[in-house]
């Protein structure tokens, strides 16, 4: 599948990445396959809105019993994505780490989902 996407001139706007770190600053359509635990340790914006014709077509496929963790002082803004396990197995969902004492909580950090579908997560967001 990856080779077909890479070689096809009709699918040249589709990209498959194996980790968040591989995603460039500018992109149009994201297909992200996760087959290990992912730690987001810096602010990241993952959006399907680079191309108006592809909104909602992007996906993050989480394989197996894995989770997406967001470290202290980091923010993940995920927009217009389908996040699921394609095999309908439960994945662990999102783990958002605390940002220290609640009275010093920074509301700008954490997980923001906009226009996303999250399916098959065992624990959801914790």
PDB file of N, CA and C in Angstrom:
ATOM      1  N   UNK A   1       0.822  -1.192   0.000  1.00  0.00           N
ATOM      2  CA  UNK A   1       0.000   0.000   0.000  1.00  0.00           C
ATOM      3  C   UNK A   1       0.866   1.257   0.000  1.00  0.00           C
ATOM      4  N   UNK A   2       1.896   1.254   0.832  1.00  0.00           N
ATOM      5  CA  UNK A   2       2.776   2.419   0.862  1.00  0.00           C
ATOM      6  C   UNK A   2       3.431   2.651  -0.490  1.00  0.00           C
ATOM      7  N   UNK A   3       3.867   1.568  -1.129  1.00  0.00           N
ATOM      8  CA  UNK A   3       4.511   1.705  -2.439  1.00  0.00           C
ATOM      9  C   UNK A   3       3.534   2.229  -3.489  1.00  0.00           C
ATOM     10  N   UNK A   4       2.300   1.763  -3.443  1.00  0.00           N
ATOM     11  CA  UNK A   4       1.299   2.239  -4.397  1.00  0.00           C
ATOM     12  C   UNK A   4       1.092   3.741  -4.226  1.00  0.00           C
ATOM     13  N   UNK A   5       0.986   4.176  -2.980  1.00  0.00           N
ATOM     14  CA  UNK A   5       0.769   5.599  -2.715  1.00  0.00           C
ATOM     15  C   UNK A   5       1.974   6.415  -3.162  1.00  0.00           C
ATOM     16  N   UNK A   6       3.168   5.913  -2.863  1.00  0.00           N
ATOM     17  CA  UNK A   6       4.377   6.650  -3.221  1.00  0.00           C
ATOM     18  C   UNK A   6       4.557   6.741  -4.738  1.00  0.00           C
ATOM     19  N   UNK A   7       4.208   5.686  -5.461  1.00  0.00           N
ATOM     20  CA  UNK A   7       4.471   5.628  -6.891  1.00  0.00           C
ATOM     21  C   UNK A   7       3.349   6.202  -7.737  1.00  0.00           C
ATOM     22  N   UNK A   8       2.141   6.274  -7.194  1.00  0.00           N
ATOM     23  CA  UNK A   8       1.014   6.721  -7.986  1.00  0.00           C
ATOM     24  C   UNK A   8       1.004   8.239  -8.109  1.00  0.00           C
ATOM     25  N   UNK A   9       0.852   8.725  -9.332  1.00  0.00           N
ATOM     26  CA  UNK A   9       0.758  10.172  -9.531  1.00  0.00           C
ATOM     27  C   UNK A   9      -0.611  10.692  -9.113  1.00  0.00           C
ATOM     28  N   UNK A  10      -1.593   9.793  -9.017  1.00  0.00           N
ATOM     29  CA  UNK A  10      -2.928  10.217  -8.606  1.00  0.00           C
ATOM     30  C   UNK A  10      -3.044  10.367  -7.101  1.00  0.00           C
ATOM     31  N   UNK A  11      -2.156   9.768  -6.372  1.00  0.00           N
ATOM     32  CA  UNK A  11      -2.227   9.807  -4.915  1.00  0.00           C
ATOM     33  C   UNK A  11      -1.054  10.562  -4.307  1.00  0.00           C
ATOM     34  N   UNK A  12      -0.494  11.489  -5.074  1.00  0.00           N
ATOM     35  CA  UNK A  12       0.708  12.149  -4.594  1.00  0.00           C
ATOM     36  C   UNK A  12       0.436  13.130  -3.456  1.00  0.00           C
ATOM     37  N   UNK A  13      -0.833  13.366  -3.142  1.00  0.00           N
ATOM     38  CA  UNK A  13      -1.144  14.246  -2.025  1.00  0.00           C
ATOM     39  C   UNK A  13      -1.357  13.457  -0.738  1.00  0.00           C
ATOM     40  N   UNK A  14      -1.251  12.150  -0.827  1.00  0.00           N
ATOM     41  CA  UNK A  14      -1.423  11.297   0.354  1.00  0.00           C
ATOM     42  C   UNK A  14      -0.063  10.943   0.916  1.00  0.00           C
ATOM     43  N   UNK A  15       0.081  11.038   2.221  1.00  0.00           N
ATOM     44  CA  UNK A  15       1.339  10.679   2.869  1.00  0.00           C
ATOM     45  C   UNK A  15       1.047   9.733   4.025  1.00  0.00           C
ATOM     46  N   UNK A  16       1.880   8.735   4.166  1.00  0.00           N
ATOM     47  CA  UNK A  16       1.785   7.836   5.312  1.00  0.00           C
ATOM     48  C   UNK A  16       3.021   8.041   6.167  1.00  0.00           C
ATOM     49  N   UNK A  17       2.811   8.304   7.442  1.00  0.00           N
ATOM     50  CA  UNK A  17       3.921   8.499   8.382  1.00  0.00           C
ATOM     51  C   UNK A  17       3.824   7.453   9.477  1.00  0.00           C
ATOM     52  N   UNK A  18       4.955   7.091  10.023  1.00  0.00           N
ATOM     53  CA  UNK A  18       4.987   6.100  11.085  1.00  0.00           C
ATOM     54  C   UNK A  18       5.132   6.718  12.462  1.00  0.00           C
ATOM     55  N   UNK A  19       5.346   8.022  12.539  1.00  0.00           N
ATOM     56  CA  UNK A  19       5.426   8.684  13.843  1.00  0.00           C
ATOM     57  C   UNK A  19       5.089  10.154  13.678  1.00  0.00           C
ATOM     58  N   UNK A  20       4.697  10.784  14.772  1.00  0.00           N
ATOM     59  CA  UNK A  20       4.373  12.208  14.720  1.00  0.00           C
ATOM     60  C   UNK A  20       5.580  13.034  14.318  1.00  0.00           C
ATOM     61  N   UNK A  21       6.761  12.585  14.692  1.00  0.00           N
ATOM     62  CA  UNK A  21       7.967  13.348  14.410  1.00  0.00           C
ATOM     63  C   UNK A  21       8.247  13.446  12.908  1.00  0.00           C
ATOM     64  N   UNK A  22       7.710  12.528  12.129  1.00  0.00           N
ATOM     65  CA  UNK A  22       7.955  12.521  10.686  1.00  0.00           C
ATOM     66  C   UNK A  22       7.076  13.507   9.921  1.00  0.00           C
ATOM     67  N   UNK A  23       6.068  14.061  10.587  1.00  0.00           N
ATOM     68  CA  UNK A  23       5.134  14.934   9.885  1.00  0.00           C
ATOM     69  C   UNK A  23       5.781  16.289   9.642  1.00  0.00           C
ATOM     70  N   UNK A  24       5.849  16.754   8.402  1.00  0.00           N
ATOM     71  CA  UNK A  24       6.453  18.057   8.129  1.00  0.00           C
ATOM     72  C   UNK A  24       5.550  19.186   8.595  1.00  0.00           C
ATOM     73  N   UNK A  25       6.097  20.385   8.602  1.00  0.00           N
ATOM     74  CA  UNK A  25       5.341  21.544   9.077  1.00  0.00           C
ATOM     75  C   UNK A  25       4.137  21.832   8.182  1.00  0.00           C
ATOM     76  N   UNK A  26       4.259  21.559   6.895  1.00  0.00           N
ATOM     77  CA  UNK A  26       3.145  21.753   5.973  1.00  0.00           C
ATOM     78  C   UNK A  26       2.771  20.410   5.363  1.00  0.00           C
ATOM     79  N   UNK A  27       1.484  20.158   5.291  1.00  0.00           N
ATOM     80  CA  UNK A  27       1.008  18.897   4.746  1.00  0.00           C
ATOM     81  C   UNK A  27      -0.436  19.084   4.301  1.00  0.00           C
ATOM     82  N   UNK A  28      -0.929  18.145   3.533  1.00  0.00           N
ATOM     83  CA  UNK A  28      -2.308  18.208   3.086  1.00  0.00           C
ATOM     84  C   UNK A  28      -3.132  17.056   3.641  1.00  0.00           C
ATOM     85  N   UNK A  29      -2.699  15.858   3.382  1.00  0.00           N
ATOM     86  CA  UNK A  29      -3.459  14.698   3.863  1.00  0.00           C
ATOM     87  C   UNK A  29      -2.525  13.788   4.635  1.00  0.00           C
ATOM     88  N   UNK A  30      -2.955  13.385   5.793  1.00  0.00           N
ATOM     89  CA  UNK A  30      -2.111  12.571   6.671  1.00  0.00           C
ATOM     90  C   UNK A  30      -2.746  11.193   6.854  1.00  0.00           C
ATOM     91  N   UNK A  31      -1.975  10.160   6.676  1.00  0.00           N
ATOM     92  CA  UNK A  31      -2.339   8.828   7.131  1.00  0.00           C
ATOM     93  C   UNK A  31      -1.224   8.398   8.073  1.00  0.00           C
ATOM     94  N   UNK A  32      -1.525   8.281   9.333  1.00  0.00           N
ATOM     95  CA  UNK A  32      -0.496   7.998  10.335  1.00  0.00           C
ATOM     96  C   UNK A  32      -0.762   6.631  10.944  1.00  0.00           C
ATOM     97  N   UNK A  33       0.158   5.710  10.744  1.00  0.00           N
ATOM     98  CA  UNK A  33       0.038   4.372  11.316  1.00  0.00           C
ATOM     99  C   UNK A  33       0.875   4.290  12.581  1.00  0.00           C
ATOM    100  N   UNK A  34       0.241   3.960  13.691  1.00  0.00           N
ATOM    101  CA  UNK A  34       0.945   3.876  14.965  1.00  0.00           C
ATOM    102  C   UNK A  34       0.956   2.422  15.418  1.00  0.00           C
ATOM    103  N   UNK A  35       2.148   1.845  15.510  1.00  0.00           N
ATOM    104  CA  UNK A  35       2.264   0.475  16.000  1.00  0.00           C
ATOM    105  C   UNK A  35       3.197   0.403  17.199  1.00  0.00           C
ATOM    106  N   UNK A  36       3.275   1.484  17.928  1.00  0.00           N
ATOM    107  CA  UNK A  36       4.006   1.516  19.195  1.00  0.00           C
ATOM    108  C   UNK A  36       3.485   2.713  19.980  1.00  0.00           C
ATOM    109  N   UNK A  37       3.812   2.783  21.263  1.00  0.00           N
ATOM    110  CA  UNK A  37       3.395   3.924  22.058  1.00  0.00           C
ATOM    111  C   UNK A  37       4.032   5.194  21.508  1.00  0.00           C
ATOM    112  N   UNK A  38       3.255   6.251  21.424  1.00  0.00           N
ATOM    113  CA  UNK A  38       3.730   7.530  20.913  1.00  0.00           C
ATOM    114  C   UNK A  38       3.720   8.545  22.047  1.00  0.00           C
ATOM    115  N   UNK A  39       4.821   9.257  22.216  1.00  0.00           N
ATOM    116  CA  UNK A  39       4.911  10.334  23.189  1.00  0.00           C
ATOM    117  C   UNK A  39       5.045  11.654  22.443  1.00  0.00           C
ATOM    118  N   UNK A  40       4.103  12.555  22.670  1.00  0.00           N
ATOM    119  CA  UNK A  40       4.183  13.898  22.114  1.00  0.00           C
ATOM    120  C   UNK A  40       4.818  14.781  23.182  1.00  0.00           C
ATOM    121  N   UNK A  41       6.037  15.233  22.937  1.00  0.00           N
ATOM    122  CA  UNK A  41       6.747  16.002  23.959  1.00  0.00           C
ATOM    123  C   UNK A  41       6.984  17.451  23.556  1.00  0.00           C
ATOM    124  N   UNK A  42       6.333  17.879  22.483  1.00  0.00           N
ATOM    125  CA  UNK A  42       6.378  19.289  22.114  1.00  0.00           C
ATOM    126  C   UNK A  42       5.069  19.632  21.419  1.00  0.00           C
ATOM    127  N   UNK A  43       4.756  20.909  21.343  1.00  0.00           N
ATOM    128  CA  UNK A  43       3.506  21.316  20.715  1.00  0.00           C
ATOM    129  C   UNK A  43       3.469  20.829  19.276  1.00  0.00           C
ATOM    130  N   UNK A  44       2.324  20.290  18.881  1.00  0.00           N
ATOM    131  CA  UNK A  44       2.183  19.776  17.527  1.00  0.00           C
ATOM    132  C   UNK A  44       0.773  20.045  17.034  1.00  0.00           C
ATOM    133  N   UNK A  45       0.669  20.415  15.770  1.00  0.00           N
ATOM    134  CA  UNK A  45      -0.614  20.694  15.133  1.00  0.00           C
ATOM    135  C   UNK A  45      -0.777  19.699  13.999  1.00  0.00           C
ATOM    136  N   UNK A  46      -1.738  18.795  14.147  1.00  0.00           N
ATOM    137  CA  UNK A  46      -1.989  17.784  13.122  1.00  0.00           C
ATOM    138  C   UNK A  46      -3.359  18.084  12.540  1.00  0.00           C
ATOM    139  N   UNK A  47      -3.384  18.544  11.295  1.00  0.00           N
ATOM    140  CA  UNK A  47      -4.634  18.999  10.713  1.00  0.00           C
ATOM    141  C   UNK A  47      -4.852  18.382   9.346  1.00  0.00           C
ATOM    142  N   UNK A  48      -6.102  18.048   9.058  1.00  0.00           N
ATOM    143  CA  UNK A  48      -6.470  17.568   7.730  1.00  0.00           C
ATOM    144  C   UNK A  48      -6.923  18.711   6.846  1.00  0.00           C
ATOM    145  N   UNK A  49      -6.796  19.922   7.336  1.00  0.00           N
ATOM    146  CA  UNK A  49      -7.377  21.053   6.631  1.00  0.00           C
ATOM    147  C   UNK A  49      -6.418  21.740   5.671  1.00  0.00           C
ATOM    148  N   UNK A  50      -5.289  21.131   5.369  1.00  0.00           N
ATOM    149  CA  UNK A  50      -4.383  21.729   4.409  1.00  0.00           C
ATOM    150  C   UNK A  50      -5.002  21.831   3.027  1.00  0.00           C
ATOM    151  N   UNK A  51      -5.907  20.918   2.713  1.00  0.00           N
ATOM    152  CA  UNK A  51      -6.615  20.949   1.447  1.00  0.00           C
ATOM    153  C   UNK A  51      -8.113  20.860   1.725  1.00  0.00           C
ATOM    154  N   UNK A  52      -8.905  21.847   1.294  1.00  0.00           N
ATOM    155  CA  UNK A  52     -10.338  21.830   1.596  1.00  0.00           C
ATOM    156  C   UNK A  52     -11.051  20.593   1.067  1.00  0.00           C
ATOM    157  N   UNK A  53     -10.530  19.989   0.010  1.00  0.00           N
ATOM    158  CA  UNK A  53     -11.192  18.824  -0.564  1.00  0.00           C
ATOM    159  C   UNK A  53     -10.962  17.548   0.235  1.00  0.00           C
ATOM    160  N   UNK A  54     -10.074  17.597   1.197  1.00  0.00           N
ATOM    161  CA  UNK A  54      -9.698  16.379   1.901  1.00  0.00           C
ATOM    162  C   UNK A  54     -10.040  16.423   3.386  1.00  0.00           C
ATOM    163  N   UNK A  55     -10.796  17.428   3.799  1.00  0.00           N
ATOM    164  CA  UNK A  55     -11.134  17.533   5.221  1.00  0.00           C
ATOM    165  C   UNK A  55     -11.878  16.280   5.664  1.00  0.00           C
ATOM    166  N   UNK A  56     -11.453  15.709   6.765  1.00  0.00           N
ATOM    167  CA  UNK A  56     -12.098  14.531   7.312  1.00  0.00           C
ATOM    168  C   UNK A  56     -11.638  13.231   6.692  1.00  0.00           C
ATOM    169  N   UNK A  57     -10.775  13.318   5.668  1.00  0.00           N
ATOM    170  CA  UNK A  57     -10.313  12.107   5.016  1.00  0.00           C
ATOM    171  C   UNK A  57      -9.068  11.527   5.674  1.00  0.00           C
ATOM    172  N   UNK A  58      -8.401  12.323   6.497  1.00  0.00           N
ATOM    173  CA  UNK A  58      -7.168  11.858   7.117  1.00  0.00           C
ATOM    174  C   UNK A  58      -7.475  10.901   8.250  1.00  0.00           C
ATOM    175  N   UNK A  59      -6.492  10.109   8.595  1.00  0.00           N
ATOM    176  CA  UNK A  59      -6.721   9.146   9.662  1.00  0.00           C
ATOM    177  C   UNK A  59      -5.450   8.870  10.430  1.00  0.00           C
ATOM    178  N   UNK A  60      -5.636   8.544  11.690  1.00  0.00           N
ATOM    179  CA  UNK A  60      -4.577   7.993  12.526  1.00  0.00           C
ATOM    180  C   UNK A  60      -5.035   6.593  12.907  1.00  0.00           C
ATOM    181  N   UNK A  61      -4.337   5.595  12.424  1.00  0.00           N
ATOM    182  CA  UNK A  61      -4.673   4.206  12.708  1.00  0.00           C
ATOM    183  C   UNK A  61      -3.746   3.698  13.803  1.00  0.00           C
ATOM    184  N   UNK A  62      -4.330   3.297  14.924  1.00  0.00           N
ATOM    185  CA  UNK A  62      -3.548   2.823  16.073  1.00  0.00           C
ATOM    186  C   UNK A  62      -3.679   1.309  16.124  1.00  0.00           C
ATOM    187  N   UNK A  63      -2.565   0.619  15.949  1.00  0.00           N
ATOM    188  CA  UNK A  63      -2.583  -0.836  15.920  1.00  0.00           C
ATOM    189  C   UNK A  63      -2.205  -1.399  17.289  1.00  0.00           C
ATOM    190  N   UNK A  64      -2.926  -2.417  17.703  1.00  0.00           N
ATOM    191  CA  UNK A  64      -2.560  -3.096  18.936  1.00  0.00           C
ATOM    192  C   UNK A  64      -2.967  -2.327  20.177  1.00  0.00           C
ATOM    193  N   UNK A  65      -2.316  -2.664  21.272  1.00  0.00           N
ATOM    194  CA  UNK A  65      -2.670  -2.137  22.592  1.00  0.00           C
ATOM    195  C   UNK A  65      -1.754  -0.969  22.931  1.00  0.00           C
ATOM    196  N   UNK A  66      -1.846   0.103  22.142  1.00  0.00           N
ATOM    197  CA  UNK A  66      -0.925   1.224  22.296  1.00  0.00           C
ATOM    198  C   UNK A  66      -1.669   2.488  22.671  1.00  0.00           C
ATOM    199  N   UNK A  67      -0.918   3.489  23.054  1.00  0.00           N
ATOM    200  CA  UNK A  67      -1.527   4.745  23.475  1.00  0.00           C
ATOM    201  C   UNK A  67      -0.742   5.920  22.911  1.00  0.00           C
ATOM    202  N   UNK A  68      -1.389   7.065  22.887  1.00  0.00           N
ATOM    203  CA  UNK A  68      -0.758   8.322  22.526  1.00  0.00           C
ATOM    204  C   UNK A  68      -0.653   9.141  23.806  1.00  0.00           C
ATOM    205  N   UNK A  69       0.555   9.434  24.227  1.00  0.00           N
ATOM    206  CA  UNK A  69       0.770  10.189  25.457  1.00  0.00           C
ATOM    207  C   UNK A  69       1.209  11.607  25.134  1.00  0.00           C
ATOM    208  N   UNK A  70       0.695  12.560  25.889  1.00  0.00           N
ATOM    209  CA  UNK A  70       1.069  13.956  25.734  1.00  0.00           C
ATOM    210  C   UNK A  70       1.797  14.384  26.997  1.00  0.00           C
ATOM    211  N   UNK A  71       3.050  14.765  26.843  1.00  0.00           N
ATOM    212  CA  UNK A  71       3.913  15.065  27.985  1.00  0.00           C
ATOM    213  C   UNK A  71       3.531  16.396  28.620  1.00  0.00           C
ATOM    214  N   UNK A  72       4.110  16.627  29.803  1.00  0.00           N
ATOM    215  CA  UNK A  72       3.937  17.917  30.460  1.00  0.00           C
ATOM    216  C   UNK A  72       4.373  19.037  29.525  1.00  0.00           C
ATOM    217  N   UNK A  73       3.667  20.145  29.582  1.00  0.00           N
ATOM    218  CA  UNK A  73       4.018  21.355  28.834  1.00  0.00           C
ATOM    219  C   UNK A  73       3.959  21.167  27.322  1.00  0.00           C
ATOM    220  N   UNK A  74       3.249  20.145  26.859  1.00  0.00           N
ATOM    221  CA  UNK A  74       3.079  19.941  25.418  1.00  0.00           C
ATOM    222  C   UNK A  74       1.601  19.973  25.082  1.00  0.00           C
ATOM    223  N   UNK A  75       1.309  20.337  23.861  1.00  0.00           N
ATOM    224  CA  UNK A  75      -0.068  20.397  23.397  1.00  0.00           C
ATOM    225  C   UNK A  75      -0.191  19.689  22.067  1.00  0.00           C
ATOM    226  N   UNK A  76      -1.238  18.903  21.916  1.00  0.00           N
ATOM    227  CA  UNK A  76      -1.553  18.270  20.640  1.00  0.00           C
ATOM    228  C   UNK A  76      -2.890  18.802  20.164  1.00  0.00           C
ATOM    229  N   UNK A  77      -2.875  19.438  19.009  1.00  0.00           N
ATOM    230  CA  UNK A  77      -4.094  19.947  18.400  1.00  0.00           C
ATOM    231  C   UNK A  77      -4.361  19.104  17.166  1.00  0.00           C
ATOM    232  N   UNK A  78      -5.395  18.286  17.228  1.00  0.00           N
ATOM    233  CA  UNK A  78      -5.690  17.339  16.163  1.00  0.00           C
ATOM    234  C   UNK A  78      -7.035  17.729  15.570  1.00  0.00           C
ATOM    235  N   UNK A  79      -7.027  18.049  14.283  1.00  0.00           N
ATOM    236  CA  UNK A  79      -8.211  18.594  13.643  1.00  0.00           C
ATOM    237  C   UNK A  79      -8.579  17.790  12.413  1.00  0.00           C
ATOM    238  N   UNK A  80      -9.867  17.444  12.315  1.00  0.00           N
ATOM    239  CA  UNK A  80     -10.394  16.790  11.126  1.00  0.00           C
ATOM    240  C   UNK A  80      -9.825  15.418  10.864  1.00  0.00           C
ATOM    241  N   UNK A  81      -9.561  14.648  11.910  1.00  0.00           N
ATOM    242  CA  UNK A  81      -8.937  13.343  11.738  1.00  0.00           C
ATOM    243  C   UNK A  81      -9.880  12.227  12.209  1.00  0.00           C
ATOM    244  N   UNK A  82      -9.739  11.066  11.606  1.00  0.00           N
ATOM    245  CA  UNK A  82     -10.378   9.852  12.102  1.00  0.00           C
ATOM    246  C   UNK A  82      -9.322   9.059  12.862  1.00  0.00           C
ATOM    247  N   UNK A  83      -9.537   8.853  14.147  1.00  0.00           N
ATOM    248  CA  UNK A  83      -8.559   8.182  14.996  1.00  0.00           C
ATOM    249  C   UNK A  83      -9.207   6.891  15.490  1.00  0.00           C
ATOM    250  N   UNK A  84      -8.627   5.770  15.122  1.00  0.00           N
ATOM    251  CA  UNK A  84      -9.290   4.503  15.424  1.00  0.00           C
ATOM    252  C   UNK A  84      -8.322   3.345  15.263  1.00  0.00           C
ATOM    253  N   UNK A  85      -8.775   2.191  15.684  1.00  0.00           N
ATOM    254  CA  UNK A  85      -8.044   0.960  15.404  1.00  0.00           C
ATOM    255  C   UNK A  85      -8.758   0.259  14.253  1.00  0.00           C
ATOM    256  N   UNK A  86      -8.108   0.105  13.103  1.00  0.00           N
ATOM    257  CA  UNK A  86      -8.791  -0.459  11.940  1.00  0.00           C
ATOM    258  C   UNK A  86      -9.188  -1.919  12.112  1.00  0.00           C
ATOM    259  N   UNK A  87      -8.640  -2.584  13.116  1.00  0.00           N
ATOM    260  CA  UNK A  87      -8.972  -3.981  13.368  1.00  0.00           C
ATOM    261  C   UNK A  87     -10.067  -4.116  14.413  1.00  0.00           C
ATOM    262  N   UNK A  88     -10.589  -2.967  14.888  1.00  0.00           N
ATOM    263  CA  UNK A  88     -11.615  -2.933  15.926  1.00  0.00           C
ATOM    264  C   UNK A  88     -11.156  -3.554  17.233  1.00  0.00           C
ATOM    265  N   UNK A  89      -9.851  -3.567  17.461  1.00  0.00           N
ATOM    266  CA  UNK A  89      -9.341  -3.916  18.787  1.00  0.00           C
ATOM    267  C   UNK A  89      -9.265  -2.651  19.609  1.00  0.00           C
ATOM    268  N   UNK A  90      -9.380  -2.785  20.924  1.00  0.00           N
ATOM    269  CA  UNK A  90      -9.280  -1.605  21.770  1.00  0.00           C
ATOM    270  C   UNK A  90      -7.847  -1.129  21.850  1.00  0.00           C
ATOM    271  N   UNK A  91      -7.637   0.161  21.635  1.00  0.00           N
ATOM    272  CA  UNK A  91      -6.346   0.771  21.926  1.00  0.00           C
ATOM    273  C   UNK A  91      -6.515   1.625  23.163  1.00  0.00           C
ATOM    274  N   UNK A  92      -5.427   2.032  23.771  1.00  0.00           N
ATOM    275  CA  UNK A  92      -5.492   2.611  25.109  1.00  0.00           C
ATOM    276  C   UNK A  92      -5.965   4.056  25.139  1.00  0.00           C
ATOM    277  N   UNK A  93      -6.026   4.711  23.983  1.00  0.00           N
ATOM    278  CA  UNK A  93      -6.513   6.072  23.962  1.00  0.00           C
ATOM    279  C   UNK A  93      -5.413   7.081  24.229  1.00  0.00           C
ATOM    280  N   UNK A  94      -5.824   8.266  24.673  1.00  0.00           N
ATOM    281  CA  UNK A  94      -4.891   9.354  24.940  1.00  0.00           C
ATOM    282  C   UNK A  94      -4.613   9.443  26.427  1.00  0.00           C
ATOM    283  N   UNK A  95      -3.367   9.631  26.776  1.00  0.00           N
ATOM    284  CA  UNK A  95      -2.983   9.886  28.158  1.00  0.00           C
ATOM    285  C   UNK A  95      -2.368  11.273  28.198  1.00  0.00           C
ATOM    286  N   UNK A  96      -3.033  12.208  28.863  1.00  0.00           N
ATOM    287  CA  UNK A  96      -2.547  13.577  28.960  1.00  0.00           C
ATOM    288  C   UNK A  96      -1.955  13.752  30.348  1.00  0.00           C
ATOM    289  N   UNK A  97      -0.645  13.962  30.404  1.00  0.00           N
ATOM    290  CA  UNK A  97       0.030  14.088  31.686  1.00  0.00           C
ATOM    291  C   UNK A  97      -0.277  15.434  32.313  1.00  0.00           C
ATOM    292  N   UNK A  98      -0.329  15.456  33.634  1.00  0.00           N
ATOM    293  CA  UNK A  98      -0.595  16.693  34.353  1.00  0.00           C
ATOM    294  C   UNK A  98       0.511  17.710  34.136  1.00  0.00           C
ATOM    295  N   UNK A  99       0.199  18.937  34.453  1.00  0.00           N
ATOM    296  CA  UNK A  99       1.151  20.028  34.261  1.00  0.00           C
ATOM    297  C   UNK A  99       1.540  20.616  35.606  1.00  0.00           C
ATOM    298  N   UNK A 100       1.731  19.727  36.589  1.00  0.00           N
ATOM    299  CA  UNK A 100       2.118  20.207  37.911  1.00  0.00           C
ATOM    300  C   UNK A 100       0.909  20.495  38.778  1.00  0.00           C
ATOM    301  N   UNK A 101       1.085  21.362  39.736  1.00  0.00           N
ATOM    302  CA  UNK A 101       0.040  21.737  40.669  1.00  0.00           C
ATOM    303  C   UNK A 101      -1.167  22.288  39.901  1.00  0.00           C
ATOM    304  N   UNK A 102      -2.382  21.800  40.222  1.00  0.00           N
ATOM    305  CA  UNK A 102      -3.554  22.277  39.480  1.00  0.00           C
ATOM    306  C   UNK A 102      -3.711  23.789  39.491  1.00  0.00           C
ATOM    307  N   UNK A 103      -3.286  24.450  40.554  1.00  0.00           N
ATOM    308  CA  UNK A 103      -3.460  25.904  40.598  1.00  0.00           C
ATOM    309  C   UNK A 103      -2.561  26.613  39.587  1.00  0.00           C
ATOM    310  N   UNK A 104      -1.576  25.870  39.051  1.00  0.00           N
ATOM    311  CA  UNK A 104      -0.697  26.446  38.036  1.00  0.00           C
ATOM    312  C   UNK A 104      -0.956  25.832  36.667  1.00  0.00           C
ATOM    313  N   UNK A 105      -2.084  25.140  36.549  1.00  0.00           N
ATOM    314  CA  UNK A 105      -2.391  24.469  35.286  1.00  0.00           C
ATOM    315  C   UNK A 105      -2.454  25.472  34.141  1.00  0.00           C
ATOM    316  N   UNK A 106      -1.795  25.154  33.055  1.00  0.00           N
ATOM    317  CA  UNK A 106      -1.795  25.991  31.861  1.00  0.00           C
ATOM    318  C   UNK A 106      -2.867  25.463  30.914  1.00  0.00           C
ATOM    319  N   UNK A 107      -3.941  26.210  30.742  1.00  0.00           N
ATOM    320  CA  UNK A 107      -5.053  25.746  29.921  1.00  0.00           C
ATOM    321  C   UNK A 107      -4.703  25.648  28.445  1.00  0.00           C
ATOM    322  N   UNK A 108      -3.584  26.206  28.043  1.00  0.00           N
ATOM    323  CA  UNK A 108      -3.185  26.145  26.646  1.00  0.00           C
ATOM    324  C   UNK A 108      -2.502  24.825  26.302  1.00  0.00           C
ATOM    325  N   UNK A 109      -2.222  24.018  27.302  1.00  0.00           N
ATOM    326  CA  UNK A 109      -1.521  22.758  27.062  1.00  0.00           C
ATOM    327  C   UNK A 109      -2.492  21.595  27.163  1.00  0.00           C
ATOM    328  N   UNK A 110      -2.153  20.490  26.534  1.00  0.00           N
ATOM    329  CA  UNK A 110      -2.979  19.302  26.629  1.00  0.00           C
ATOM    330  C   UNK A 110      -3.445  18.822  25.270  1.00  0.00           C
ATOM    331  N   UNK A 111      -4.665  18.319  25.204  1.00  0.00           N
ATOM    332  CA  UNK A 111      -5.200  17.698  23.987  1.00  0.00           C
ATOM    333  C   UNK A 111      -6.408  18.488  23.512  1.00  0.00           C
ATOM    334  N   UNK A 112      -6.390  18.870  22.256  1.00  0.00           N
ATOM    335  CA  UNK A 112      -7.525  19.553  21.642  1.00  0.00           C
ATOM    336  C   UNK A 112      -7.928  18.753  20.414  1.00  0.00           C
ATOM    337  N   UNK A 113      -9.160  18.266  20.400  1.00  0.00           N
ATOM    338  CA  UNK A 113      -9.683  17.546  19.249  1.00  0.00           C
ATOM    339  C   UNK A 113     -10.776  18.392  18.618  1.00  0.00           C
ATOM    340  N   UNK A 114     -10.650  18.651  17.332  1.00  0.00           N
ATOM    341  CA  UNK A 114     -11.627  19.474  16.625  1.00  0.00           C
ATOM    342  C   UNK A 114     -12.076  18.737  15.372  1.00  0.00           C
ATOM    343  N   UNK A 115     -13.354  18.401  15.317  1.00  0.00           N
ATOM    344  CA  UNK A 115     -13.883  17.719  14.138  1.00  0.00           C
ATOM    345  C   UNK A 115     -13.311  16.328  13.953  1.00  0.00           C
ATOM    346  N   UNK A 116     -12.981  15.653  15.056  1.00  0.00           N
ATOM    347  CA  UNK A 116     -12.370  14.325  14.987  1.00  0.00           C
ATOM    348  C   UNK A 116     -13.351  13.239  15.390  1.00  0.00           C
ATOM    349  N   UNK A 117     -13.123  12.056  14.865  1.00  0.00           N
ATOM    350  CA  UNK A 117     -13.845  10.863  15.297  1.00  0.00           C
ATOM    351  C   UNK A 117     -12.836   9.946  15.971  1.00  0.00           C
ATOM    352  N   UNK A 118     -13.081   9.629  17.247  1.00  0.00           N
ATOM    353  CA  UNK A 118     -12.213   8.723  17.996  1.00  0.00           C
ATOM    354  C   UNK A 118     -13.025   7.469  18.284  1.00  0.00           C
ATOM    355  N   UNK A 119     -12.539   6.318  17.822  1.00  0.00           N
ATOM    356  CA  UNK A 119     -13.312   5.093  17.934  1.00  0.00           C
ATOM    357  C   UNK A 119     -12.431   3.948  18.410  1.00  0.00           C
ATOM    358  N   UNK A 120     -13.006   3.115  19.235  1.00  0.00           N
ATOM    359  CA  UNK A 120     -12.333   1.895  19.655  1.00  0.00           C
ATOM    360  C   UNK A 120     -11.299   2.072  20.733  1.00  0.00           C
ATOM    361  N   UNK A 121     -11.257   3.238  21.393  1.00  0.00           N
ATOM    362  CA  UNK A 121     -10.268   3.447  22.452  1.00  0.00           C
ATOM    363  C   UNK A 121     -10.778   2.806  23.737  1.00  0.00           C
ATOM    364  N   UNK A 122      -9.912   2.082  24.400  1.00  0.00           N
ATOM    365  CA  UNK A 122     -10.301   1.366  25.616  1.00  0.00           C
ATOM    366  C   UNK A 122     -10.509   2.311  26.781  1.00  0.00           C
ATOM    367  N   UNK A 123      -9.609   3.307  26.899  1.00  0.00           N
ATOM    368  CA  UNK A 123      -9.694   4.209  28.046  1.00  0.00           C
ATOM    369  C   UNK A 123     -10.092   5.617  27.643  1.00  0.00           C
ATOM    370  N   UNK A 124     -10.165   5.912  26.368  1.00  0.00           N
ATOM    371  CA  UNK A 124     -10.492   7.265  25.946  1.00  0.00           C
ATOM    372  C   UNK A 124      -9.383   8.238  26.324  1.00  0.00           C
ATOM    373  N   UNK A 125      -9.789   9.382  26.816  1.00  0.00           N
ATOM    374  CA  UNK A 125      -8.827  10.384  27.252  1.00  0.00           C
ATOM    375  C   UNK A 125      -8.750  10.339  28.765  1.00  0.00           C
ATOM    376  N   UNK A 126      -7.535  10.163  29.285  1.00  0.00           N
ATOM    377  CA  UNK A 126      -7.370  10.113  30.744  1.00  0.00           C
ATOM    378  C   UNK A 126      -6.311  11.093  31.165  1.00  0.00           C
TER     379      UNK A 126
END
